[in-house]
């Protein structure tokens, strides 16, 4: 099975939608098989439309009737979902696999809006998907066929790592842990680089990013556990030990981090119920 030969409709071409468009093109999916519905195309979207001849429509009403859509990807804001689904859209995607990246909107909601579509997948990813390094999970309805599961997994793998989960509740947990995860790291970079600037380092931000990136690459290269590499840096009586003793005092860093993520997960759960 190869999604390169299928017609793919992307509804919503903001940051996440654009990430899918880029990934499809980079993975040799023909632009003639990519269709986009976006009310307000961005400058970069217009540019890629001009270069690759991708078809962009402002509304579903403008969409050609004779196109058979195999996969529909929803990458819109939650409050736009109700307006997007219409009798006309449901007619055009009635036999399509639907993959929703819409936060907080459950499978039952999607099934209702799509007038009973039996092939629905809910997925969630994070912003590194824009450069092919996303971390994603996907949940399938019980009625989703194995063939459609494979298609969905293949498509999601184009933007990075993907794992199937068996419980829809896992999406809320994922959102707090990994969906919001890049922001946690960016905050650390801000704090770290700002303190470095106060200590006279002109290129503090670049040095901070390089330290983090280099550490991650070392972790991937050696395939050792983070704990092992941390211990290797930590000499007895040295500077690293002094810093880690402060962070680990009464597990205050761990407890603070877990408390913050717990709040994010609770918020994601609340949004799913609204």
C-alpha atoms as a PDB file:
ATOM      1  CA  UNK A   1       0.000   0.000   0.000  1.00  0.00           C
ATOM      2  CA  UNK A   2       1.365   3.366  -1.024  1.00  0.00           C
ATOM      3  CA  UNK A   3      -0.296   6.670  -0.178  1.00  0.00           C
ATOM      4  CA  UNK A   4       1.713   8.312  -2.974  1.00  0.00           C
ATOM      5  CA  UNK A   5      -0.977   7.162  -5.383  1.00  0.00           C
ATOM      6  CA  UNK A   6      -3.937   8.473  -3.390  1.00  0.00           C
ATOM      7  CA  UNK A   7      -5.822  11.770  -3.410  1.00  0.00           C
ATOM      8  CA  UNK A   8      -5.298  13.571  -0.121  1.00  0.00           C
ATOM      9  CA  UNK A   9      -7.424  16.467   1.109  1.00  0.00           C
ATOM     10  CA  UNK A  10      -6.035  18.765   3.813  1.00  0.00           C
ATOM     11  CA  UNK A  11      -8.583  21.000   5.509  1.00  0.00           C
ATOM     12  CA  UNK A  12      -6.800  23.900   7.172  1.00  0.00           C
ATOM     13  CA  UNK A  13      -3.321  24.936   6.089  1.00  0.00           C
ATOM     14  CA  UNK A  14      -1.936  26.735   9.121  1.00  0.00           C
ATOM     15  CA  UNK A  15       1.324  25.595  10.712  1.00  0.00           C
ATOM     16  CA  UNK A  16       0.307  21.957  11.111  1.00  0.00           C
ATOM     17  CA  UNK A  17      -1.450  21.709   7.762  1.00  0.00           C
ATOM     18  CA  UNK A  18       1.569  23.238   6.066  1.00  0.00           C
ATOM     19  CA  UNK A  19       3.802  20.677   7.823  1.00  0.00           C
ATOM     20  CA  UNK A  20       1.792  17.875   6.204  1.00  0.00           C
ATOM     21  CA  UNK A  21       1.892  19.555   2.800  1.00  0.00           C
ATOM     22  CA  UNK A  22       5.684  19.898   3.003  1.00  0.00           C
ATOM     23  CA  UNK A  23       6.107  16.318   4.212  1.00  0.00           C
ATOM     24  CA  UNK A  24       3.956  14.927   1.408  1.00  0.00           C
ATOM     25  CA  UNK A  25       5.907  16.807  -1.243  1.00  0.00           C
ATOM     26  CA  UNK A  26       9.283  15.857   0.262  1.00  0.00           C
ATOM     27  CA  UNK A  27       8.207  12.219   0.232  1.00  0.00           C
ATOM     28  CA  UNK A  28       7.418  12.324  -3.491  1.00  0.00           C
ATOM     29  CA  UNK A  29       3.635  12.506  -3.276  1.00  0.00           C
ATOM     30  CA  UNK A  30       2.578  14.146  -6.510  1.00  0.00           C
ATOM     31  CA  UNK A  31       1.263  17.710  -6.030  1.00  0.00           C
ATOM     32  CA  UNK A  32      -1.606  16.819  -8.353  1.00  0.00           C
ATOM     33  CA  UNK A  33      -2.838  14.407  -5.656  1.00  0.00           C
ATOM     34  CA  UNK A  34      -2.820  17.058  -2.903  1.00  0.00           C
ATOM     35  CA  UNK A  35      -5.908  19.222  -2.388  1.00  0.00           C
ATOM     36  CA  UNK A  36      -6.225  21.970   0.195  1.00  0.00           C
ATOM     37  CA  UNK A  37      -9.143  23.894   1.657  1.00  0.00           C
ATOM     38  CA  UNK A  38      -8.002  27.123   3.290  1.00  0.00           C
ATOM     39  CA  UNK A  39      -9.994  30.353   3.547  1.00  0.00           C
ATOM     40  CA  UNK A  40      -6.977  32.591   4.007  1.00  0.00           C
ATOM     41  CA  UNK A  41      -3.894  31.148   2.293  1.00  0.00           C
ATOM     42  CA  UNK A  42      -0.637  32.438   3.787  1.00  0.00           C
ATOM     43  CA  UNK A  43       2.195  33.883   1.696  1.00  0.00           C
ATOM     44  CA  UNK A  44       4.218  30.662   2.029  1.00  0.00           C
ATOM     45  CA  UNK A  45       1.185  28.596   1.008  1.00  0.00           C
ATOM     46  CA  UNK A  46       0.681  30.754  -2.097  1.00  0.00           C
ATOM     47  CA  UNK A  47       4.368  30.322  -2.878  1.00  0.00           C
ATOM     48  CA  UNK A  48       4.246  26.543  -2.702  1.00  0.00           C
ATOM     49  CA  UNK A  49       1.012  26.610  -4.721  1.00  0.00           C
ATOM     50  CA  UNK A  50       2.785  28.537  -7.471  1.00  0.00           C
ATOM     51  CA  UNK A  51       5.888  26.330  -7.412  1.00  0.00           C
ATOM     52  CA  UNK A  52       4.177  22.948  -7.152  1.00  0.00           C
ATOM     53  CA  UNK A  53       0.788  23.662  -8.752  1.00  0.00           C
ATOM     54  CA  UNK A  54      -1.139  22.401  -5.723  1.00  0.00           C
ATOM     55  CA  UNK A  55      -4.879  22.985  -5.853  1.00  0.00           C
ATOM     56  CA  UNK A  56      -6.160  25.302  -3.122  1.00  0.00           C
ATOM     57  CA  UNK A  57      -9.838  26.060  -2.566  1.00  0.00           C
ATOM     58  CA  UNK A  58     -11.341  28.712  -0.315  1.00  0.00           C
ATOM     59  CA  UNK A  59     -14.361  26.573   0.547  1.00  0.00           C
ATOM     60  CA  UNK A  60     -15.657  23.064  -0.079  1.00  0.00           C
ATOM     61  CA  UNK A  61     -18.166  24.581  -2.512  1.00  0.00           C
ATOM     62  CA  UNK A  62     -15.318  25.286  -4.939  1.00  0.00           C
ATOM     63  CA  UNK A  63     -14.017  21.731  -4.785  1.00  0.00           C
ATOM     64  CA  UNK A  64     -14.378  19.608  -7.928  1.00  0.00           C
ATOM     65  CA  UNK A  65     -17.203  17.108  -7.706  1.00  0.00           C
ATOM     66  CA  UNK A  66     -15.461  14.308  -9.613  1.00  0.00           C
ATOM     67  CA  UNK A  67     -12.409  14.003  -7.346  1.00  0.00           C
ATOM     68  CA  UNK A  68     -12.346  10.839  -5.237  1.00  0.00           C
ATOM     69  CA  UNK A  69     -10.672  11.633  -1.911  1.00  0.00           C
ATOM     70  CA  UNK A  70      -8.946   8.713  -0.188  1.00  0.00           C
ATOM     71  CA  UNK A  71      -7.578  10.486   2.901  1.00  0.00           C
ATOM     72  CA  UNK A  72      -8.869  13.626   4.616  1.00  0.00           C
ATOM     73  CA  UNK A  73      -6.660  15.386   7.162  1.00  0.00           C
ATOM     74  CA  UNK A  74      -8.291  17.868   9.532  1.00  0.00           C
ATOM     75  CA  UNK A  75      -5.815  20.459  10.799  1.00  0.00           C
ATOM     76  CA  UNK A  76      -8.154  23.253  11.856  1.00  0.00           C
ATOM     77  CA  UNK A  77      -8.912  24.970  15.152  1.00  0.00           C
ATOM     78  CA  UNK A  78     -11.477  23.201  17.372  1.00  0.00           C
ATOM     79  CA  UNK A  79     -14.004  26.038  17.065  1.00  0.00           C
ATOM     80  CA  UNK A  80     -13.935  25.732  13.261  1.00  0.00           C
ATOM     81  CA  UNK A  81     -14.894  22.067  13.129  1.00  0.00           C
ATOM     82  CA  UNK A  82     -18.655  22.538  13.189  1.00  0.00           C
ATOM     83  CA  UNK A  83     -18.550  25.053  10.334  1.00  0.00           C
ATOM     84  CA  UNK A  84     -16.334  22.861   8.156  1.00  0.00           C
ATOM     85  CA  UNK A  85     -18.558  19.786   8.149  1.00  0.00           C
ATOM     86  CA  UNK A  86     -21.493  20.151   5.813  1.00  0.00           C
ATOM     87  CA  UNK A  87     -23.652  17.841   3.709  1.00  0.00           C
ATOM     88  CA  UNK A  88     -21.501  18.723   0.712  1.00  0.00           C
ATOM     89  CA  UNK A  89     -18.223  17.891   2.489  1.00  0.00           C
ATOM     90  CA  UNK A  90     -19.618  14.640   3.869  1.00  0.00           C
ATOM     91  CA  UNK A  91     -20.755  13.632   0.394  1.00  0.00           C
ATOM     92  CA  UNK A  92     -17.298  14.258  -1.054  1.00  0.00           C
ATOM     93  CA  UNK A  93     -15.401  12.419   1.695  1.00  0.00           C
ATOM     94  CA  UNK A  94     -17.956   9.710   2.549  1.00  0.00           C
ATOM     95  CA  UNK A  95     -15.540   6.903   1.601  1.00  0.00           C
ATOM     96  CA  UNK A  96     -12.443   8.695   2.867  1.00  0.00           C
ATOM     97  CA  UNK A  97     -10.261   7.858   5.816  1.00  0.00           C
ATOM     98  CA  UNK A  98     -10.505  10.841   8.179  1.00  0.00           C
ATOM     99  CA  UNK A  99      -7.459  11.749  10.260  1.00  0.00           C
ATOM    100  CA  UNK A 100      -8.178  14.479  12.793  1.00  0.00           C
ATOM    101  CA  UNK A 101      -5.414  16.563  14.386  1.00  0.00           C
ATOM    102  CA  UNK A 102      -8.054  18.750  16.031  1.00  0.00           C
ATOM    103  CA  UNK A 103      -7.391  19.154  19.752  1.00  0.00           C
ATOM    104  CA  UNK A 104     -10.127  18.186  22.165  1.00  0.00           C
ATOM    105  CA  UNK A 105     -12.625  16.822  19.651  1.00  0.00           C
ATOM    106  CA  UNK A 106     -13.453  13.199  20.379  1.00  0.00           C
ATOM    107  CA  UNK A 107     -14.089  10.316  18.027  1.00  0.00           C
ATOM    108  CA  UNK A 108     -17.813  10.380  18.852  1.00  0.00           C
ATOM    109  CA  UNK A 109     -17.981  14.071  17.869  1.00  0.00           C
ATOM    110  CA  UNK A 110     -16.169  13.387  14.600  1.00  0.00           C
ATOM    111  CA  UNK A 111     -18.425  10.439  13.815  1.00  0.00           C
ATOM    112  CA  UNK A 112     -21.515  12.554  14.418  1.00  0.00           C
ATOM    113  CA  UNK A 113     -20.266  15.445  12.274  1.00  0.00           C
ATOM    114  CA  UNK A 114     -19.231  13.109   9.447  1.00  0.00           C
ATOM    115  CA  UNK A 115     -22.646  11.421   9.436  1.00  0.00           C
ATOM    116  CA  UNK A 116     -21.378   8.082  10.657  1.00  0.00           C
ATOM    117  CA  UNK A 117     -18.059   7.655   8.852  1.00  0.00           C
ATOM    118  CA  UNK A 118     -16.598   4.370  10.148  1.00  0.00           C
ATOM    119  CA  UNK A 119     -12.941   5.075   9.287  1.00  0.00           C
ATOM    120  CA  UNK A 120     -11.811   7.772  11.688  1.00  0.00           C
ATOM    121  CA  UNK A 121      -8.439   8.241  13.341  1.00  0.00           C
ATOM    122  CA  UNK A 122      -7.618  10.818  15.989  1.00  0.00           C
ATOM    123  CA  UNK A 123      -4.009  11.908  16.094  1.00  0.00           C
ATOM    124  CA  UNK A 124      -1.946  14.432  17.993  1.00  0.00           C
ATOM    125  CA  UNK A 125       1.546  15.650  17.295  1.00  0.00           C
ATOM    126  CA  UNK A 126       3.820  18.559  18.204  1.00  0.00           C
ATOM    127  CA  UNK A 127       5.454  21.451  16.388  1.00  0.00           C
ATOM    128  CA  UNK A 128       8.733  19.676  15.434  1.00  0.00           C
ATOM    129  CA  UNK A 129       6.511  17.939  12.865  1.00  0.00           C
ATOM    130  CA  UNK A 130       7.219  21.026  10.748  1.00  0.00           C
ATOM    131  CA  UNK A 131      10.790  19.757  10.223  1.00  0.00           C
ATOM    132  CA  UNK A 132       9.973  16.048  10.118  1.00  0.00           C
ATOM    133  CA  UNK A 133      10.841  15.447  13.774  1.00  0.00           C
ATOM    134  CA  UNK A 134       7.384  15.351  15.283  1.00  0.00           C
ATOM    135  CA  UNK A 135       6.338  13.003  18.062  1.00  0.00           C
ATOM    136  CA  UNK A 136       2.831  11.723  17.381  1.00  0.00           C
ATOM    137  CA  UNK A 137       0.227   9.295  18.635  1.00  0.00           C
ATOM    138  CA  UNK A 138      -2.833   7.976  16.853  1.00  0.00           C
ATOM    139  CA  UNK A 139      -6.059   6.398  18.080  1.00  0.00           C
ATOM    140  CA  UNK A 140      -8.357   4.405  15.810  1.00  0.00           C
ATOM    141  CA  UNK A 141     -12.058   3.772  16.031  1.00  0.00           C
ATOM    142  CA  UNK A 142     -12.913   0.095  16.449  1.00  0.00           C
ATOM    143  CA  UNK A 143     -14.539   0.169  13.021  1.00  0.00           C
ATOM    144  CA  UNK A 144     -11.398   1.423  11.246  1.00  0.00           C
ATOM    145  CA  UNK A 145     -10.112  -1.257   8.865  1.00  0.00           C
ATOM    146  CA  UNK A 146      -6.568  -2.596   9.108  1.00  0.00           C
ATOM    147  CA  UNK A 147      -5.846  -1.220   5.638  1.00  0.00           C
ATOM    148  CA  UNK A 148      -6.840   2.272   6.747  1.00  0.00           C
ATOM    149  CA  UNK A 149      -4.813   1.924   9.928  1.00  0.00           C
ATOM    150  CA  UNK A 150      -1.732   1.195   7.840  1.00  0.00           C
ATOM    151  CA  UNK A 151      -2.447   4.182   5.603  1.00  0.00           C
ATOM    152  CA  UNK A 152      -2.843   6.475   8.590  1.00  0.00           C
ATOM    153  CA  UNK A 153       0.349   5.220  10.247  1.00  0.00           C
ATOM    154  CA  UNK A 154       2.230   5.643   6.974  1.00  0.00           C
ATOM    155  CA  UNK A 155       1.019   9.206   6.580  1.00  0.00           C
ATOM    156  CA  UNK A 156       1.769  10.231  10.180  1.00  0.00           C
ATOM    157  CA  UNK A 157       5.264   8.728   9.925  1.00  0.00           C
ATOM    158  CA  UNK A 158       6.062  11.319   7.243  1.00  0.00           C
ATOM    159  CA  UNK A 159       6.243  14.009   9.937  1.00  0.00           C
ATOM    160  CA  UNK A 160       8.238  11.975  12.473  1.00  0.00           C
ATOM    161  CA  UNK A 161       7.748   9.272  15.075  1.00  0.00           C
ATOM    162  CA  UNK A 162       4.244   7.820  15.547  1.00  0.00           C
ATOM    163  CA  UNK A 163       2.781   5.333  18.004  1.00  0.00           C
ATOM    164  CA  UNK A 164      -0.709   3.815  18.153  1.00  0.00           C
ATOM    165  CA  UNK A 165      -2.579   4.072  21.455  1.00  0.00           C
ATOM    166  CA  UNK A 166      -5.532   1.931  22.484  1.00  0.00           C
ATOM    167  CA  UNK A 167      -7.281   4.490  24.698  1.00  0.00           C
ATOM    168  CA  UNK A 168      -8.645   7.816  23.479  1.00  0.00           C
ATOM    169  CA  UNK A 169      -7.851   9.272  26.902  1.00  0.00           C
ATOM    170  CA  UNK A 170      -4.166   8.864  26.070  1.00  0.00           C
ATOM    171  CA  UNK A 171      -4.521  11.793  23.661  1.00  0.00           C
ATOM    172  CA  UNK A 172      -5.115  14.203  26.562  1.00  0.00           C
ATOM    173  CA  UNK A 173      -2.110  12.803  28.424  1.00  0.00           C
ATOM    174  CA  UNK A 174       0.021  13.069  25.293  1.00  0.00           C
ATOM    175  CA  UNK A 175      -1.076  16.677  24.762  1.00  0.00           C
ATOM    176  CA  UNK A 176       0.159  17.705  28.208  1.00  0.00           C
ATOM    177  CA  UNK A 177       3.368  15.679  27.995  1.00  0.00           C
ATOM    178  CA  UNK A 178       4.513  16.026  24.398  1.00  0.00           C
ATOM    179  CA  UNK A 179       2.119  18.306  22.544  1.00  0.00           C
ATOM    180  CA  UNK A 180       3.101  21.129  24.891  1.00  0.00           C
ATOM    181  CA  UNK A 181       6.589  19.675  25.327  1.00  0.00           C
ATOM    182  CA  UNK A 182       8.476  22.003  22.958  1.00  0.00           C
ATOM    183  CA  UNK A 183       7.311  24.998  25.003  1.00  0.00           C
ATOM    184  CA  UNK A 184       8.838  23.508  28.160  1.00  0.00           C
ATOM    185  CA  UNK A 185      12.167  23.174  26.393  1.00  0.00           C
ATOM    186  CA  UNK A 186      11.971  26.678  24.924  1.00  0.00           C
ATOM    187  CA  UNK A 187      11.342  28.074  28.407  1.00  0.00           C
ATOM    188  CA  UNK A 188      14.456  26.288  29.672  1.00  0.00           C
ATOM    189  CA  UNK A 189      16.444  27.778  26.781  1.00  0.00           C
ATOM    190  CA  UNK A 190      15.129  31.265  27.650  1.00  0.00           C
ATOM    191  CA  UNK A 191      16.045  30.952  31.323  1.00  0.00           C
ATOM    192  CA  UNK A 192      19.433  29.389  30.626  1.00  0.00           C
ATOM    193  CA  UNK A 193      20.470  31.856  27.913  1.00  0.00           C
ATOM    194  CA  UNK A 194      19.246  34.899  29.849  1.00  0.00           C
ATOM    195  CA  UNK A 195      21.356  33.881  32.830  1.00  0.00           C
ATOM    196  CA  UNK A 196      24.331  33.312  30.527  1.00  0.00           C
ATOM    197  CA  UNK A 197      23.875  36.831  29.122  1.00  0.00           C
ATOM    198  CA  UNK A 198      23.946  38.253  32.636  1.00  0.00           C
ATOM    199  CA  UNK A 199      27.295  36.527  33.034  1.00  0.00           C
ATOM    200  CA  UNK A 200      28.754  38.214  29.963  1.00  0.00           C
ATOM    201  CA  UNK A 201      28.263  35.676  27.165  1.00  0.00           C
ATOM    202  CA  UNK A 202      27.411  37.587  24.008  1.00  0.00           C
ATOM    203  CA  UNK A 203      26.178  34.524  22.082  1.00  0.00           C
ATOM    204  CA  UNK A 204      24.362  33.001  25.042  1.00  0.00           C
ATOM    205  CA  UNK A 205      21.326  31.745  23.148  1.00  0.00           C
ATOM    206  CA  UNK A 206      23.393  30.072  20.421  1.00  0.00           C
ATOM    207  CA  UNK A 207      25.603  28.456  23.055  1.00  0.00           C
ATOM    208  CA  UNK A 208      22.587  27.197  24.996  1.00  0.00           C
ATOM    209  CA  UNK A 209      20.945  25.728  21.894  1.00  0.00           C
ATOM    210  CA  UNK A 210      24.232  24.107  20.835  1.00  0.00           C
ATOM    211  CA  UNK A 211      24.662  22.559  24.275  1.00  0.00           C
ATOM    212  CA  UNK A 212      21.161  21.078  24.192  1.00  0.00           C
ATOM    213  CA  UNK A 213      21.376  19.920  20.580  1.00  0.00           C
ATOM    214  CA  UNK A 214      24.832  18.426  21.066  1.00  0.00           C
ATOM    215  CA  UNK A 215      23.701  16.603  24.207  1.00  0.00           C
ATOM    216  CA  UNK A 216      20.704  15.111  22.396  1.00  0.00           C
ATOM    217  CA  UNK A 217      22.830  14.027  19.438  1.00  0.00           C
ATOM    218  CA  UNK A 218      25.313  12.420  21.832  1.00  0.00           C
ATOM    219  CA  UNK A 219      22.433  10.570  23.483  1.00  0.00           C
ATOM    220  CA  UNK A 220      21.218   9.304  20.110  1.00  0.00           C
ATOM    221  CA  UNK A 221      24.726   8.420  18.923  1.00  0.00           C
ATOM    222  CA  UNK A 222      25.777   6.449  22.000  1.00  0.00           C
ATOM    223  CA  UNK A 223      22.312   4.943  22.603  1.00  0.00           C
ATOM    224  CA  UNK A 224      23.055   5.086  26.310  1.00  0.00           C
ATOM    225  CA  UNK A 225      20.496   5.946  28.972  1.00  0.00           C
ATOM    226  CA  UNK A 226      20.223   9.635  29.974  1.00  0.00           C
ATOM    227  CA  UNK A 227      21.061   8.618  33.541  1.00  0.00           C
ATOM    228  CA  UNK A 228      24.338   7.049  32.395  1.00  0.00           C
ATOM    229  CA  UNK A 229      25.424  10.119  30.431  1.00  0.00           C
ATOM    230  CA  UNK A 230      24.428  12.406  33.300  1.00  0.00           C
ATOM    231  CA  UNK A 231      26.533  10.409  35.739  1.00  0.00           C
ATOM    232  CA  UNK A 232      29.479  10.578  33.348  1.00  0.00           C
ATOM    233  CA  UNK A 233      29.364  14.403  33.405  1.00  0.00           C
ATOM    234  CA  UNK A 234      28.964  14.512  37.178  1.00  0.00           C
ATOM    235  CA  UNK A 235      32.344  14.341  38.898  1.00  0.00           C
ATOM    236  CA  UNK A 236      32.331  13.874  42.659  1.00  0.00           C
ATOM    237  CA  UNK A 237      32.814  17.227  44.334  1.00  0.00           C
ATOM    238  CA  UNK A 238      32.586  19.083  40.990  1.00  0.00           C
ATOM    239  CA  UNK A 239      30.452  21.842  39.512  1.00  0.00           C
ATOM    240  CA  UNK A 240      27.819  19.579  37.966  1.00  0.00           C
ATOM    241  CA  UNK A 241      27.292  17.770  41.238  1.00  0.00           C
ATOM    242  CA  UNK A 242      26.774  21.093  43.014  1.00  0.00           C
ATOM    243  CA  UNK A 243      24.081  22.138  40.541  1.00  0.00           C
ATOM    244  CA  UNK A 244      22.322  18.771  40.514  1.00  0.00           C
ATOM    245  CA  UNK A 245      22.273  18.586  44.311  1.00  0.00           C
ATOM    246  CA  UNK A 246      20.369  21.870  44.319  1.00  0.00           C
ATOM    247  CA  UNK A 247      17.922  20.706  41.645  1.00  0.00           C
ATOM    248  CA  UNK A 248      17.419  17.324  43.293  1.00  0.00           C
ATOM    249  CA  UNK A 249      17.116  18.637  46.845  1.00  0.00           C
ATOM    250  CA  UNK A 250      13.916  16.972  48.151  1.00  0.00           C
ATOM    251  CA  UNK A 251      13.152  16.185  44.474  1.00  0.00           C
ATOM    252  CA  UNK A 252      11.952  19.774  44.076  1.00  0.00           C
ATOM    253  CA  UNK A 253      12.755  19.994  40.362  1.00  0.00           C
ATOM    254  CA  UNK A 254      11.053  16.678  39.620  1.00  0.00           C
ATOM    255  CA  UNK A 255       7.994  17.579  41.679  1.00  0.00           C
ATOM    256  CA  UNK A 256       7.662  21.013  40.083  1.00  0.00           C
ATOM    257  CA  UNK A 257       7.976  19.592  36.573  1.00  0.00           C
ATOM    258  CA  UNK A 258       5.470  16.806  37.246  1.00  0.00           C
ATOM    259  CA  UNK A 259       3.032  19.299  38.794  1.00  0.00           C
ATOM    260  CA  UNK A 260       3.255  21.549  35.739  1.00  0.00           C
ATOM    261  CA  UNK A 261       2.665  18.680  33.290  1.00  0.00           C
ATOM    262  CA  UNK A 262      -0.191  17.375  35.439  1.00  0.00           C
ATOM    263  CA  UNK A 263      -1.924  20.746  35.088  1.00  0.00           C
ATOM    264  CA  UNK A 264      -1.460  20.637  31.316  1.00  0.00           C
ATOM    265  CA  UNK A 265      -3.007  17.149  31.152  1.00  0.00           C
ATOM    266  CA  UNK A 266      -5.971  18.219  33.317  1.00  0.00           C
ATOM    267  CA  UNK A 267      -6.519  21.217  31.048  1.00  0.00           C
ATOM    268  CA  UNK A 268      -6.455  18.992  27.965  1.00  0.00           C
ATOM    269  CA  UNK A 269      -9.032  16.703  29.594  1.00  0.00           C
ATOM    270  CA  UNK A 270     -11.278  19.664  30.401  1.00  0.00           C
ATOM    271  CA  UNK A 271     -11.080  20.933  26.817  1.00  0.00           C
ATOM    272  CA  UNK A 272     -12.015  17.476  25.508  1.00  0.00           C
ATOM    273  CA  UNK A 273     -15.218  17.594  27.517  1.00  0.00           C
ATOM    274  CA  UNK A 274     -16.236  21.077  26.413  1.00  0.00           C
END
